[in-house]
């Protein structure tokens, strides 16, 4: 769930950065938004490689699921 909210925040900041560039906002504002974008991207990468993430479960075949409790 956190990855979805971070991804949403990343896309929202990307949109705001693009608008800042298009509308000709001061460069310090664009640089600040770019730093926020990089931070959100780093958080997304850290969450995928987190030691607290749930390990992927191997898929069970139909025969295994029939005989396992």
N, C-alpha and C. Protein backbone atom coordinates (compact mmCIF):
# COMPACT_ATOMS: atom_id res chain seq x y z
N UNK A 1 0.82 -1.19 0.00
CA UNK A 1 0.00 0.00 0.00
C UNK A 1 0.86 1.25 0.00
N UNK A 2 1.97 1.19 0.75
CA UNK A 2 2.84 2.36 0.79
C UNK A 2 3.46 2.62 -0.57
N UNK A 3 3.77 1.56 -1.30
CA UNK A 3 4.38 1.75 -2.62
C UNK A 3 3.42 2.47 -3.56
N UNK A 4 2.13 2.19 -3.42
CA UNK A 4 1.14 2.86 -4.27
C UNK A 4 1.07 4.34 -3.94
N UNK A 5 1.08 4.67 -2.65
CA UNK A 5 1.01 6.08 -2.27
C UNK A 5 2.29 6.82 -2.66
N UNK A 6 3.45 6.17 -2.56
CA UNK A 6 4.69 6.81 -2.97
C UNK A 6 4.70 6.99 -4.49
N UNK A 7 4.20 5.99 -5.22
CA UNK A 7 4.14 6.10 -6.68
C UNK A 7 3.18 7.22 -7.09
N UNK A 8 2.06 7.34 -6.38
CA UNK A 8 1.11 8.42 -6.67
C UNK A 8 1.77 9.77 -6.39
N UNK A 9 2.48 9.89 -5.27
CA UNK A 9 3.17 11.13 -4.93
C UNK A 9 4.22 11.45 -5.99
N UNK A 10 4.95 10.43 -6.45
CA UNK A 10 5.97 10.63 -7.48
C UNK A 10 5.34 11.18 -8.76
N UNK A 11 4.24 10.57 -9.19
CA UNK A 11 3.60 11.02 -10.43
C UNK A 11 3.04 12.43 -10.27
N UNK A 12 2.49 12.74 -9.09
CA UNK A 12 1.97 14.08 -8.84
C UNK A 12 3.10 15.11 -8.88
N UNK A 13 4.24 14.81 -8.27
CA UNK A 13 5.38 15.73 -8.29
C UNK A 13 5.95 15.88 -9.70
N UNK A 14 5.93 14.80 -10.47
CA UNK A 14 6.39 14.87 -11.85
C UNK A 14 5.51 15.82 -12.65
N UNK A 15 4.21 15.73 -12.43
CA UNK A 15 3.25 16.61 -13.11
C UNK A 15 3.49 18.06 -12.70
N UNK A 16 3.68 18.32 -11.41
CA UNK A 16 3.91 19.69 -10.95
C UNK A 16 5.23 20.24 -11.47
N UNK A 17 6.24 19.40 -11.57
CA UNK A 17 7.53 19.84 -12.12
C UNK A 17 7.38 20.22 -13.58
N UNK A 18 6.65 19.41 -14.33
CA UNK A 18 6.42 19.72 -15.75
C UNK A 18 5.66 21.04 -15.89
N UNK A 19 4.64 21.24 -15.06
CA UNK A 19 3.89 22.50 -15.11
C UNK A 19 4.78 23.69 -14.75
N UNK A 20 5.66 23.51 -13.77
CA UNK A 20 6.56 24.59 -13.38
C UNK A 20 7.48 24.97 -14.54
N UNK A 21 7.95 23.96 -15.27
CA UNK A 21 8.81 24.25 -16.42
C UNK A 21 8.03 24.94 -17.54
N UNK A 22 6.81 24.47 -17.80
CA UNK A 22 6.00 25.04 -18.88
C UNK A 22 5.59 26.48 -18.57
N UNK A 23 5.20 26.73 -17.32
CA UNK A 23 4.72 28.06 -16.94
C UNK A 23 5.85 29.05 -16.68
N UNK A 24 7.10 28.58 -16.71
CA UNK A 24 8.22 29.48 -16.53
C UNK A 24 8.44 29.93 -15.10
N UNK A 25 8.21 29.05 -14.16
CA UNK A 25 8.45 29.38 -12.75
C UNK A 25 9.95 29.58 -12.53
N UNK A 26 10.31 30.23 -11.42
CA UNK A 26 11.74 30.41 -11.13
C UNK A 26 12.47 29.06 -11.05
N UNK A 27 13.72 29.06 -11.44
CA UNK A 27 14.48 27.82 -11.54
C UNK A 27 14.67 27.16 -10.18
N UNK A 28 14.73 27.94 -9.10
CA UNK A 28 14.91 27.31 -7.79
C UNK A 28 13.70 26.45 -7.43
N UNK A 29 12.53 26.83 -7.88
CA UNK A 29 11.33 26.02 -7.61
C UNK A 29 11.39 24.71 -8.39
N UNK A 30 11.84 24.78 -9.64
CA UNK A 30 11.96 23.57 -10.46
C UNK A 30 13.01 22.63 -9.87
N UNK A 31 14.13 23.19 -9.42
CA UNK A 31 15.18 22.37 -8.81
C UNK A 31 14.67 21.72 -7.54
N UNK A 32 13.92 22.46 -6.72
CA UNK A 32 13.36 21.91 -5.49
C UNK A 32 12.41 20.75 -5.80
N UNK A 33 11.56 20.92 -6.79
CA UNK A 33 10.64 19.84 -7.17
C UNK A 33 11.39 18.63 -7.71
N UNK A 34 12.49 18.87 -8.43
CA UNK A 34 13.29 17.76 -8.95
C UNK A 34 13.92 16.97 -7.81
N UNK A 35 14.38 17.67 -6.77
CA UNK A 35 14.95 16.99 -5.60
C UNK A 35 13.88 16.15 -4.91
N UNK A 36 12.66 16.68 -4.79
CA UNK A 36 11.56 15.91 -4.20
C UNK A 36 11.27 14.67 -5.05
N UNK A 37 11.30 14.84 -6.38
CA UNK A 37 11.07 13.70 -7.28
C UNK A 37 12.11 12.61 -7.07
N UNK A 38 13.37 13.01 -6.98
CA UNK A 38 14.43 12.02 -6.77
C UNK A 38 14.28 11.32 -5.42
N UNK A 39 13.85 12.06 -4.41
CA UNK A 39 13.61 11.44 -3.10
C UNK A 39 12.50 10.41 -3.15
N UNK A 40 11.41 10.74 -3.84
CA UNK A 40 10.30 9.79 -3.97
C UNK A 40 10.73 8.56 -4.76
N UNK A 41 11.54 8.77 -5.79
CA UNK A 41 12.04 7.64 -6.57
C UNK A 41 12.95 6.76 -5.73
N UNK A 42 13.77 7.38 -4.88
CA UNK A 42 14.64 6.60 -3.99
C UNK A 42 13.82 5.80 -2.99
N UNK A 43 12.74 6.40 -2.47
CA UNK A 43 11.87 5.67 -1.54
C UNK A 43 11.22 4.47 -2.22
N UNK A 44 10.81 4.64 -3.47
CA UNK A 44 10.22 3.51 -4.19
C UNK A 44 11.23 2.39 -4.36
N UNK A 45 12.46 2.73 -4.68
CA UNK A 45 13.50 1.72 -4.84
C UNK A 45 13.84 1.04 -3.53
N UNK A 46 13.88 1.81 -2.44
CA UNK A 46 14.20 1.23 -1.13
C UNK A 46 13.09 0.29 -0.67
N UNK A 47 11.85 0.64 -0.97
CA UNK A 47 10.74 -0.19 -0.51
C UNK A 47 10.73 -1.54 -1.22
N UNK A 48 11.12 -1.55 -2.48
CA UNK A 48 11.16 -2.83 -3.21
C UNK A 48 12.24 -3.74 -2.66
N UNK A 49 13.34 -3.17 -2.22
CA UNK A 49 14.47 -3.97 -1.73
C UNK A 49 14.50 -4.04 -0.21
N UNK A 50 13.42 -3.68 0.43
CA UNK A 50 13.37 -3.63 1.89
C UNK A 50 13.46 -5.03 2.49
N UNK A 51 14.21 -5.17 3.59
CA UNK A 51 14.25 -6.48 4.25
C UNK A 51 12.92 -6.81 4.94
N UNK A 52 12.06 -5.80 5.09
CA UNK A 52 10.77 -6.02 5.75
C UNK A 52 9.67 -6.35 4.75
N UNK A 53 10.00 -6.35 3.47
CA UNK A 53 9.00 -6.70 2.46
C UNK A 53 8.66 -8.18 2.57
N UNK A 54 7.45 -8.50 2.19
CA UNK A 54 7.03 -9.90 2.24
C UNK A 54 7.77 -10.69 1.17
N UNK A 55 8.33 -11.83 1.53
CA UNK A 55 9.01 -12.64 0.50
C UNK A 55 7.98 -13.22 -0.47
N UNK A 56 8.39 -13.36 -1.70
CA UNK A 56 7.48 -13.93 -2.69
C UNK A 56 7.30 -15.41 -2.43
N UNK A 57 6.07 -15.85 -2.45
CA UNK A 57 5.74 -17.26 -2.24
C UNK A 57 5.77 -17.97 -3.59
N UNK A 58 6.44 -19.12 -3.66
CA UNK A 58 6.41 -19.86 -4.92
C UNK A 58 5.00 -20.40 -5.16
N UNK A 59 4.61 -20.41 -6.40
CA UNK A 59 3.27 -20.90 -6.74
C UNK A 59 3.20 -22.41 -6.55
N UNK A 60 2.10 -22.87 -5.96
CA UNK A 60 1.90 -24.31 -5.76
C UNK A 60 1.17 -24.88 -6.96
N UNK A 61 1.57 -26.07 -7.33
CA UNK A 61 0.85 -26.73 -8.41
C UNK A 61 -0.48 -27.23 -7.86
N UNK A 62 -1.37 -27.62 -8.73
CA UNK A 62 -2.68 -28.08 -8.28
C UNK A 62 -2.56 -29.37 -7.46
N UNK A 63 -1.59 -30.23 -7.79
CA UNK A 63 -1.40 -31.47 -7.02
C UNK A 63 -0.91 -31.16 -5.61
N UNK A 64 0.01 -30.20 -5.47
CA UNK A 64 0.51 -29.83 -4.14
C UNK A 64 -0.59 -29.21 -3.29
N UNK A 65 -1.41 -28.36 -3.90
CA UNK A 65 -2.46 -27.72 -3.11
C UNK A 65 -3.54 -28.72 -2.70
N UNK A 66 -3.72 -29.79 -3.47
CA UNK A 66 -4.72 -30.79 -3.13
C UNK A 66 -4.26 -31.61 -1.92
N UNK A 67 -2.96 -31.91 -1.81
CA UNK A 67 -2.47 -32.78 -0.75
C UNK A 67 -1.96 -32.02 0.46
N UNK A 68 -1.72 -30.72 0.32
CA UNK A 68 -1.20 -29.99 1.49
C UNK A 68 -2.37 -29.48 2.34
N UNK A 69 -2.18 -29.40 3.66
CA UNK A 69 -3.29 -28.97 4.54
C UNK A 69 -3.59 -27.50 4.39
